[in-house]
């Protein structure tokens, strides 16, 4: 069964809305991209490529925020770690709430 991108995007927005509303996720209202893709793939019949592609679309259209955080490694080395996470934006919240 092929799903339209609109169906995938709606599920993604609902997923990030729920994380925001519950204050859950890896970063209390945010979720790492790899975790979000894995969880959405497990909860739906959508494949990971479609989910990733549509997350990028939602970011480009300001419905989801992409947060990039640079941190030092915890072992004290000079290695810098880049962490990517996502959260629903104000525009995304308004879209979800308008549909309820």
Protein backbone atom coordinates (compact mmCIF):
# COMPACT_ATOMS: atom_id res chain seq x y z
CA UNK A 1 0.00 0.00 0.00
CA UNK A 2 1.40 3.37 -1.02
CA UNK A 3 0.83 6.31 1.30
CA UNK A 4 0.64 9.87 0.16
CA UNK A 5 3.17 12.35 1.48
CA UNK A 6 0.27 14.25 3.07
CA UNK A 7 -0.59 11.18 5.19
CA UNK A 8 3.02 10.77 6.24
CA UNK A 9 3.33 14.46 7.13
CA UNK A 10 0.13 14.39 9.16
CA UNK A 11 1.43 11.43 11.20
CA UNK A 12 4.78 13.14 11.72
CA UNK A 13 3.12 16.34 12.93
CA UNK A 14 0.87 14.35 15.25
CA UNK A 15 3.91 12.52 16.62
CA UNK A 16 5.80 15.75 17.39
CA UNK A 17 2.65 17.39 18.73
CA UNK A 18 2.21 14.51 21.19
CA UNK A 19 5.83 14.81 22.33
CA UNK A 20 5.30 18.55 22.83
CA UNK A 21 1.99 18.11 24.68
CA UNK A 22 3.32 15.35 26.96
CA UNK A 23 6.74 16.93 27.51
CA UNK A 24 8.31 13.59 26.60
CA UNK A 25 11.04 12.75 24.13
CA UNK A 26 14.76 12.71 24.54
CA UNK A 27 14.89 16.41 25.38
CA UNK A 28 11.46 17.08 26.97
CA UNK A 29 9.41 18.16 23.96
CA UNK A 30 12.13 17.40 21.41
CA UNK A 31 13.22 14.16 19.88
CA UNK A 32 16.39 13.01 18.16
CA UNK A 33 15.89 12.52 14.45
CA UNK A 34 16.99 8.87 14.39
CA UNK A 35 14.68 8.03 17.30
CA UNK A 36 11.74 9.84 15.69
CA UNK A 37 12.20 8.01 12.39
CA UNK A 38 12.51 4.63 14.12
CA UNK A 39 9.47 5.23 16.35
CA UNK A 40 7.31 6.47 13.49
CA UNK A 41 8.30 3.50 11.34
CA UNK A 42 7.33 1.14 14.18
CA UNK A 43 3.99 2.92 14.82
CA UNK A 44 2.97 3.17 11.16
CA UNK A 45 3.37 1.31 7.91
CA UNK A 46 5.57 4.10 6.49
CA UNK A 47 9.13 3.33 5.50
CA UNK A 48 12.06 5.24 7.00
CA UNK A 49 12.98 6.92 3.72
CA UNK A 50 9.49 8.43 3.37
CA UNK A 51 9.54 9.56 6.99
CA UNK A 52 12.98 11.19 6.69
CA UNK A 53 12.06 12.90 3.41
CA UNK A 54 8.87 14.30 4.90
CA UNK A 55 10.57 15.48 8.09
CA UNK A 56 12.91 17.48 5.84
CA UNK A 57 9.88 18.88 3.99
CA UNK A 58 8.22 19.90 7.28
CA UNK A 59 11.44 21.60 8.45
CA UNK A 60 11.76 23.47 5.14
CA UNK A 61 8.16 24.66 5.52
CA UNK A 62 8.63 25.77 9.15
CA UNK A 63 6.25 23.22 10.66
CA UNK A 64 9.03 21.46 12.57
CA UNK A 65 12.17 23.01 14.03
CA UNK A 66 15.54 21.33 13.50
CA UNK A 67 17.73 21.98 16.54
CA UNK A 68 21.48 21.47 16.25
CA UNK A 69 23.45 21.38 19.49
CA UNK A 70 27.23 21.09 19.69
CA UNK A 71 28.66 19.50 22.82
CA UNK A 72 32.01 18.23 24.00
CA UNK A 73 32.45 14.51 24.47
CA UNK A 74 31.85 13.38 28.04
CA UNK A 75 35.21 11.63 28.26
CA UNK A 76 37.01 14.98 28.41
CA UNK A 77 38.56 14.68 24.96
CA UNK A 78 38.55 17.51 22.45
CA UNK A 79 35.98 15.69 20.33
CA UNK A 80 32.92 17.81 19.57
CA UNK A 81 29.60 16.04 19.18
CA UNK A 82 26.78 17.42 17.08
CA UNK A 83 23.31 16.40 18.24
CA UNK A 84 20.30 16.83 15.99
CA UNK A 85 16.79 16.93 17.36
CA UNK A 86 13.38 18.10 16.19
CA UNK A 87 10.36 19.72 17.75
CA UNK A 88 7.06 20.99 16.46
CA UNK A 89 7.15 24.71 15.63
CA UNK A 90 4.54 27.33 16.48
CA UNK A 91 3.26 27.05 12.90
CA UNK A 92 3.02 23.29 13.28
CA UNK A 93 1.11 23.69 16.55
CA UNK A 94 -1.31 26.10 14.91
CA UNK A 95 -1.87 23.66 12.02
CA UNK A 96 -2.60 20.78 14.40
CA UNK A 97 -4.87 22.83 16.65
CA UNK A 98 -6.77 24.27 13.67
CA UNK A 99 -7.55 20.73 12.53
CA UNK A 100 -9.04 19.65 15.86
